[in-house]
Amino acid sequence: MNKKYIVRLTDEEREYLNGLVRKGKSTAYKIRHADMILKADADAAGWTDEQIAKAFSAYKSAVAGIRRRFVEEGPESAPGRKKQSVPSREKYRMEKGWPV
């Protein structure tokens, strides 16, 4: 099966992602996502989504989503989480606890 989103890292992107993984100062999911992108790099490791999913105990669709987000939005957005289009709950006022 041909992949629609092929990850090819530049030297700067590889350095940024390696920095996230090596420093260990980010949240765990950001480090994990950065490591997944490094493994998906076609010019280096070139792992398949199945191999990455198995190595990181993740779903194949999650790996595909991270790969897609990296190709479409760039290296800064891929390690993070996708923003919600609609909030899951209403905002509350701090002083009275009433819905806004």
Protein backbone atom coordinates (compact mmCIF):
# COMPACT_ATOMS: atom_id res chain seq x y z
CA MET A 1 0.00 0.00 0.00
CA ASN A 2 1.36 3.43 -0.96
CA LYS A 3 1.52 5.95 1.83
CA LYS A 4 -0.16 9.25 1.21
CA TYR A 5 1.91 11.13 3.79
CA ILE A 6 5.63 10.42 3.54
CA VAL A 7 7.79 11.98 6.25
CA ARG A 8 11.11 13.40 5.04
CA LEU A 9 12.86 15.38 7.76
CA THR A 10 15.23 18.23 7.10
CA ASP A 11 18.32 18.56 9.29
CA GLU A 12 16.65 21.34 11.30
CA GLU A 13 13.47 19.31 11.86
CA ARG A 14 15.47 16.25 12.88
CA GLU A 15 17.50 18.36 15.31
CA TYR A 16 14.33 19.89 16.81
CA LEU A 17 12.67 16.48 17.31
CA ASN A 18 15.85 14.87 18.65
CA GLY A 19 16.12 17.76 21.11
CA LEU A 20 12.60 17.06 22.39
CA VAL A 21 13.39 13.36 22.85
CA ARG A 22 16.86 13.78 24.38
CA LYS A 23 16.08 16.58 26.83
CA GLY A 24 13.03 14.88 28.29
CA LYS A 25 11.68 18.23 29.54
CA SER A 26 8.44 18.13 27.52
CA THR A 27 5.27 16.25 28.33
CA ALA A 28 5.38 12.50 27.78
CA TYR A 29 3.04 12.49 24.79
CA LYS A 30 5.12 15.15 22.99
CA ILE A 31 8.29 13.12 23.48
CA ARG A 32 6.50 9.99 22.30
CA HIS A 33 5.06 11.69 19.21
CA ALA A 34 8.44 13.20 18.34
CA ASP A 35 10.05 9.77 18.62
CA MET A 36 7.33 8.30 16.37
CA ILE A 37 8.02 10.95 13.72
CA LEU A 38 11.74 10.23 13.88
CA LYS A 39 11.04 6.53 13.30
CA ALA A 40 8.72 7.37 10.37
CA ASP A 41 11.40 9.41 8.55
CA ALA A 42 11.80 7.84 5.11
CA ASP A 43 15.42 9.02 4.82
CA ALA A 44 16.49 7.44 8.15
CA ALA A 45 14.68 4.61 9.96
CA GLY A 46 11.70 4.50 7.59
CA TRP A 47 9.54 2.32 9.81
CA THR A 48 6.02 1.43 8.71
CA ASP A 49 2.98 2.55 10.70
CA GLU A 50 2.53 -1.05 11.88
CA GLN A 51 6.10 -1.23 13.21
CA ILE A 52 5.79 2.12 14.98
CA ALA A 53 2.40 1.20 16.48
CA LYS A 54 3.78 -2.06 17.81
CA ALA A 55 6.96 -0.47 19.23
CA PHE A 56 5.06 2.32 21.03
CA SER A 57 1.93 0.32 21.97
CA ALA A 58 -0.26 2.65 19.94
CA TYR A 59 -2.99 2.30 17.36
CA LYS A 60 -1.99 2.32 13.70
CA SER A 61 -4.55 5.08 13.05
CA ALA A 62 -2.93 7.24 15.75
CA VAL A 63 0.45 6.86 14.09
CA ALA A 64 -1.09 7.72 10.71
CA GLY A 65 -2.67 10.84 12.25
CA ILE A 66 0.63 12.00 13.70
CA ARG A 67 2.31 11.41 10.34
CA ARG A 68 -0.45 13.34 8.51
CA ARG A 69 -0.31 16.25 10.96
CA PHE A 70 3.48 16.48 10.54
CA VAL A 71 3.28 16.57 6.74
CA GLU A 72 0.38 19.04 6.61
CA GLU A 73 1.15 21.36 9.53
CA GLY A 74 4.89 21.04 10.23
CA PRO A 75 7.14 19.83 13.03
CA GLU A 76 5.85 22.16 15.75
CA SER A 77 2.25 20.93 15.58
CA ALA A 78 2.80 17.20 15.13
CA PRO A 79 4.24 16.36 18.58
CA GLY A 80 1.38 18.23 20.23
CA ARG A 81 -2.26 17.25 20.40
CA LYS A 82 -4.92 18.24 17.92
CA LYS A 83 -6.97 21.26 19.02
CA GLN A 84 -10.68 20.65 19.61
CA SER A 85 -12.99 22.35 17.15
CA VAL A 86 -15.78 22.37 19.76
CA PRO A 87 -15.02 22.46 23.50
CA SER A 88 -16.11 19.36 25.39
CA ARG A 89 -17.70 21.44 28.16
CA GLU A 90 -18.92 24.95 28.80
CA LYS A 91 -16.81 27.64 30.43
CA TYR A 92 -17.74 28.53 33.99
CA ARG A 93 -17.46 31.81 35.78
CA MET A 94 -15.05 31.55 38.66
CA GLU A 95 -16.98 33.76 41.11
CA LYS A 96 -20.37 32.02 40.98
CA GLY A 97 -19.80 28.76 39.13
CA TRP A 98 -22.49 29.58 36.55
CA PRO A 99 -22.25 28.58 32.89
CA VAL A 100 -21.28 31.49 30.66
